[in-house]
Protein backbone atom coordinates (compact mmCIF):
# COMPACT_ATOMS: atom_id res chain seq x y z
CA UNK A 1 0.00 0.00 0.00
CA UNK A 2 1.37 3.43 -0.90
CA UNK A 3 1.95 6.34 1.48
CA UNK A 4 -1.18 8.19 0.37
CA UNK A 5 -3.35 5.21 1.28
CA UNK A 6 -1.56 4.72 4.63
CA UNK A 7 -2.21 8.35 5.53
CA UNK A 8 -5.80 8.04 4.40
CA UNK A 9 -6.37 5.04 6.68
CA UNK A 10 -5.17 7.09 9.65
CA UNK A 11 -7.80 9.80 9.12
CA UNK A 12 -10.18 10.17 12.08
CA UNK A 13 -12.87 12.29 10.40
CA UNK A 14 -16.32 10.79 9.96
CA UNK A 15 -16.69 9.34 6.43
CA UNK A 16 -19.50 10.50 4.19
CA UNK A 17 -22.48 8.18 4.08
CA UNK A 18 -22.83 5.89 1.03
CA UNK A 19 -25.41 8.08 -0.70
CA UNK A 20 -23.43 11.29 -0.22
CA UNK A 21 -20.22 9.62 -1.34
CA UNK A 22 -21.89 8.28 -4.48
CA UNK A 23 -23.39 11.70 -5.17
CA UNK A 24 -19.92 13.26 -4.98
CA UNK A 25 -18.52 10.64 -7.34
CA UNK A 26 -21.35 11.17 -9.82
CA UNK A 27 -20.90 14.92 -9.47
CA UNK A 28 -17.58 14.58 -11.27
CA UNK A 29 -19.62 14.30 -14.48
CA UNK A 30 -19.01 18.02 -15.05
CA UNK A 31 -15.41 17.11 -15.95
CA UNK A 32 -16.35 14.33 -18.36
CA UNK A 33 -15.13 14.79 -21.91
CA UNK A 34 -18.65 14.98 -23.26
CA UNK A 35 -18.26 18.67 -22.36
CA UNK A 36 -14.96 19.05 -24.23
CA UNK A 37 -15.23 21.46 -27.21
CA UNK A 38 -14.23 18.73 -29.65
CA UNK A 39 -16.96 16.39 -28.43
CA UNK A 40 -19.47 19.22 -28.43
CA UNK A 41 -18.55 19.89 -32.05
CA UNK A 42 -18.96 16.19 -32.78
CA UNK A 43 -22.41 16.05 -31.22
CA UNK A 44 -23.48 19.14 -33.14
CA UNK A 45 -22.35 17.69 -36.46
CA UNK A 46 -19.63 20.30 -36.92
CA UNK A 47 -16.72 17.95 -37.61
CA UNK A 48 -15.72 17.34 -41.19
CA UNK A 49 -14.97 13.84 -42.45
CA UNK A 50 -11.21 14.16 -41.92
CA UNK A 51 -11.68 15.29 -38.32
CA UNK A 52 -14.07 12.48 -37.50
CA UNK A 53 -11.68 9.97 -39.04
CA UNK A 54 -8.85 11.50 -37.05
CA UNK A 55 -10.80 11.04 -33.84
CA UNK A 56 -11.52 7.39 -34.62
CA UNK A 57 -7.88 6.72 -35.52
CA UNK A 58 -6.55 8.39 -32.36
CA UNK A 59 -9.06 6.77 -30.03
CA UNK A 60 -8.07 3.34 -31.32
CA UNK A 61 -4.89 3.65 -29.28
CA UNK A 62 -7.07 4.03 -26.20
CA UNK A 63 -9.19 1.03 -27.22
CA UNK A 64 -6.22 -1.32 -27.56
CA UNK A 65 -4.81 -0.09 -24.26
CA UNK A 66 -7.94 -0.86 -22.23
CA UNK A 67 -7.34 -4.63 -21.96
CA UNK A 68 -3.67 -3.97 -21.20
CA UNK A 69 -4.75 -1.68 -18.38
CA UNK A 70 -7.21 -4.26 -17.12
CA UNK A 71 -4.58 -7.01 -17.26
CA UNK A 72 -2.33 -4.80 -15.14
CA UNK A 73 -5.09 -4.50 -12.56
CA UNK A 74 -5.54 -8.27 -12.54
CA UNK A 75 -1.81 -8.84 -12.13
CA UNK A 76 -1.81 -6.70 -8.97
CA UNK A 77 -5.07 -8.00 -7.53
CA UNK A 78 -5.04 -10.72 -4.84
CA UNK A 79 -8.84 -10.89 -4.59
CA UNK A 80 -10.19 -13.87 -6.53
CA UNK A 81 -13.76 -12.57 -6.69
CA UNK A 82 -12.63 -9.24 -8.11
CA UNK A 83 -10.48 -11.03 -10.70
CA UNK A 84 -13.37 -13.26 -11.78
CA UNK A 85 -15.51 -10.22 -12.50
CA UNK A 86 -12.77 -7.97 -13.86
CA UNK A 87 -11.58 -10.43 -16.49
CA UNK A 88 -14.85 -9.90 -18.35
CA UNK A 89 -13.58 -6.45 -19.31
CA UNK A 90 -10.64 -7.97 -21.16
CA UNK A 91 -12.90 -10.37 -22.99
CA UNK A 92 -15.24 -7.50 -23.91
CA UNK A 93 -12.42 -5.75 -25.76
CA UNK A 94 -10.20 -8.58 -26.99
CA UNK A 95 -13.08 -10.87 -27.92
CA UNK A 96 -13.23 -14.61 -27.33
CA UNK A 97 -14.12 -18.07 -28.64
CA UNK A 98 -15.44 -20.10 -25.72
CA UNK A 99 -17.74 -23.12 -25.73
CA UNK A 100 -18.91 -22.42 -29.25
CA UNK A 101 -19.61 -18.74 -28.53
CA UNK A 102 -17.74 -16.23 -30.69
CA UNK A 103 -17.47 -12.54 -29.88
CA UNK A 104 -15.20 -10.31 -31.97
CA UNK A 105 -14.81 -7.87 -29.10
CA UNK A 106 -14.64 -4.12 -28.81
CA UNK A 107 -11.29 -3.67 -30.54
CA UNK A 108 -12.60 -5.33 -33.67
CA UNK A 109 -15.82 -3.33 -33.40
CA UNK A 110 -13.74 -0.15 -33.31
CA UNK A 111 -11.91 -1.22 -36.45
CA UNK A 112 -15.32 -1.61 -38.09
CA UNK A 113 -16.13 1.91 -36.91
CA UNK A 114 -12.97 3.11 -38.64
CA UNK A 115 -14.05 1.41 -41.85
CA UNK A 116 -17.52 2.95 -41.46
CA UNK A 117 -16.02 6.45 -41.47
CA UNK A 118 -13.82 5.72 -44.49
CA UNK A 119 -10.58 4.42 -43.02
CA UNK A 120 -8.99 1.15 -44.05
CA UNK A 121 -8.18 -1.53 -41.48
CA UNK A 122 -4.49 -0.70 -41.91
CA UNK A 123 -5.18 3.01 -41.41
CA UNK A 124 -6.55 2.15 -37.97
CA UNK A 125 -4.35 -0.71 -36.81
CA UNK A 126 -1.03 0.75 -37.98
CA UNK A 127 -1.44 3.62 -35.47
CA UNK A 128 0.24 5.95 -37.97
CA UNK A 129 -2.39 8.64 -37.42
CA UNK A 130 -2.11 8.61 -33.62
CA UNK A 131 -0.78 11.93 -32.30
CA UNK A 132 2.15 11.78 -29.82
CA UNK A 133 0.12 13.59 -27.18
CA UNK A 134 -2.66 11.01 -27.54
CA UNK A 135 -0.15 8.23 -26.85
CA UNK A 136 1.19 10.14 -23.84
CA UNK A 137 -2.26 10.58 -22.28
CA UNK A 138 -3.23 6.94 -22.75
CA UNK A 139 0.13 5.64 -21.56
CA UNK A 140 -0.23 7.73 -18.39
CA UNK A 141 -3.42 5.86 -17.58
CA UNK A 142 -1.93 2.43 -18.28
CA UNK A 143 1.09 3.25 -16.12
CA UNK A 144 -1.20 4.36 -13.31
CA UNK A 145 -2.96 0.99 -13.39
CA UNK A 146 0.38 -0.82 -13.36
CA UNK A 147 1.99 1.10 -10.51
CA UNK A 148 -0.79 2.05 -8.12
CA UNK A 149 -2.62 -0.31 -5.77
CA UNK A 150 -5.24 -2.27 -7.66
CA UNK A 151 -7.97 -0.74 -5.51
CA UNK A 152 -7.05 2.71 -6.83
CA UNK A 153 -6.97 1.43 -10.40
CA UNK A 154 -10.49 0.05 -9.91
CA UNK A 155 -11.67 3.47 -8.73
CA UNK A 156 -10.14 5.09 -11.79
CA UNK A 157 -12.49 3.05 -13.97
CA UNK A 158 -15.51 4.95 -12.68
CA UNK A 159 -15.50 7.34 -15.61
CA UNK A 160 -17.79 4.60 -16.96
CA UNK A 161 -20.47 6.17 -14.77
CA UNK A 162 -20.80 8.79 -17.46
CA UNK A 163 -20.06 6.71 -20.56
CA UNK A 164 -23.57 5.45 -21.47
CA UNK A 165 -24.69 9.03 -22.05
CA UNK A 166 -21.97 9.77 -24.60
CA UNK A 167 -22.48 6.40 -26.33
CA UNK A 168 -26.22 7.03 -26.63
CA UNK A 169 -25.54 10.54 -27.88
CA UNK A 170 -23.48 9.16 -30.76
CA UNK A 171 -26.09 6.52 -31.58
CA UNK A 172 -28.77 9.21 -31.67
CA UNK A 173 -26.92 12.01 -33.48
CA UNK A 174 -24.55 10.42 -35.96
CA UNK A 175 -27.20 9.08 -38.40
CA UNK A 176 -28.52 12.63 -38.79
CA UNK A 177 -25.32 14.66 -38.43
CA UNK A 178 -23.03 12.28 -40.35
CA UNK A 179 -25.30 10.38 -42.77
CA UNK A 180 -22.27 9.32 -44.81
CA UNK A 181 -21.09 7.06 -41.97
CA UNK A 182 -22.12 3.43 -42.42
CA UNK A 183 -24.55 2.87 -39.50
CA UNK A 184 -23.27 -0.67 -38.93
CA UNK A 185 -20.12 0.95 -37.58
CA UNK A 186 -22.06 2.22 -34.55
CA UNK A 187 -22.22 -1.27 -33.06
CA UNK A 188 -19.33 -0.52 -30.70
CA UNK A 189 -21.38 2.18 -28.97
CA UNK A 190 -24.44 -0.07 -28.80
CA UNK A 191 -22.42 -2.86 -27.19
CA UNK A 192 -20.95 -0.54 -24.60
CA UNK A 193 -24.36 0.62 -23.40
CA UNK A 194 -24.83 -2.76 -21.75
CA UNK A 195 -21.22 -3.54 -20.91
CA UNK A 196 -20.48 -0.17 -19.29
CA UNK A 197 -23.55 -0.36 -17.05
CA UNK A 198 -22.48 -3.83 -15.86
CA UNK A 199 -18.96 -2.60 -15.21
CA UNK A 200 -20.22 0.45 -13.33
CA UNK A 201 -22.35 -1.65 -11.02
CA UNK A 202 -19.30 -3.72 -10.06
CA UNK A 203 -16.72 -0.94 -9.85
CA UNK A 204 -19.01 1.47 -8.02
CA UNK A 205 -19.99 -1.07 -5.37
CA UNK A 206 -16.35 -1.90 -4.69
CA UNK A 207 -15.35 1.78 -4.51
CA UNK A 208 -18.22 2.69 -2.18
CA UNK A 209 -17.35 -0.20 0.13
CA UNK A 210 -13.56 -0.07 0.13
CA UNK A 211 -12.94 3.68 0.13
CA UNK A 212 -15.57 4.42 2.80
CA UNK A 213 -13.26 3.26 5.58
CA UNK A 214 -12.20 6.89 6.19
CA UNK A 215 -13.03 10.34 4.85
CA UNK A 216 -9.50 10.70 3.49
CA UNK A 217 -9.89 7.47 1.51
CA UNK A 218 -13.11 8.80 0.03
CA UNK A 219 -11.32 12.01 -0.92
CA UNK A 220 -8.58 9.91 -2.48
CA UNK A 221 -11.17 8.10 -4.60
CA UNK A 222 -12.48 11.45 -5.82
CA UNK A 223 -8.91 12.52 -6.69
CA UNK A 224 -8.37 9.30 -8.63
CA UNK A 225 -11.59 9.73 -10.57
CA UNK A 226 -10.58 13.31 -11.39
CA UNK A 227 -7.20 12.04 -12.61
CA UNK A 228 -8.90 9.66 -15.03
CA UNK A 229 -11.27 12.40 -16.19
CA UNK A 230 -8.22 14.59 -16.80
CA UNK A 231 -6.65 11.81 -18.88
CA UNK A 232 -9.72 11.65 -21.10
CA UNK A 233 -9.82 15.44 -21.36
CA UNK A 234 -6.13 15.53 -22.27
CA UNK A 235 -6.76 12.89 -24.93
CA UNK A 236 -9.54 15.05 -26.38
CA UNK A 237 -7.18 18.05 -26.27
CA UNK A 238 -4.55 16.09 -28.15
CA UNK A 239 -7.01 15.03 -30.84
CA UNK A 240 -8.46 18.52 -31.18
CA UNK A 241 -5.04 20.09 -31.53
CA UNK A 242 -4.07 17.47 -34.08
CA UNK A 243 -7.26 17.77 -36.11
CA UNK A 244 -8.35 21.39 -35.63
CA UNK A 245 -5.19 23.27 -34.59
CA UNK A 246 -7.06 25.25 -31.93
CA UNK A 247 -6.24 26.37 -28.40
CA UNK A 248 -6.84 23.85 -25.63
CA UNK A 249 -9.31 24.48 -22.80
CA UNK A 250 -9.18 22.91 -19.36
CA UNK A 251 -11.95 20.80 -17.82
CA UNK A 252 -14.14 21.97 -14.96
CA UNK A 253 -12.97 20.61 -11.61
């Protein structure tokens, strides 16, 4: 356990109750990248084809890093029940062939999204269109999951609290705003509506239970969630700078 967690365990203040703690966690939605100017432009149909393709190509680096991040959490985790649940996240993205059931997984679905917006498979998988700052932001998150206690890495996943909204927004707006995009490419977002809600239920319950030992631990969980929100915001900054060459703007905190 790191020094921050040791200090947090020594805190004598009364912890927030479960409902208040959850409200504070959910209140971090104001920093979610759905509010980033680039994503606002996307939702309003203001991106051109090249910019939308650039977003898909850059975000692919994040997609392929998710199972690596989750594997890092598993490698640090000594709780069998957590591992049994968490491994589903890797299967969601990498896909699987088990007992006659085939699932291509989220990474393959994202490649199909790239093809739907006019990129070739090689355009996406070669990573040649990924901006250096995009790599830096994503790598920072993976390194966090590798180096920090697994409990903190679990808490960092709670940006999924806010993900169904942005997935639904794309499902609802893209057919109208970007009619040239093959609608079959939206399957990734449709899949994540169910998967993200399942993941949230698991990650949120653990965070509410584990980090409620002291007020300082609860505050640490909020700091961790803000860190992950900042990673996603920085990734959006990197893509916007790469695609639009405009000034960055910081998230609300």
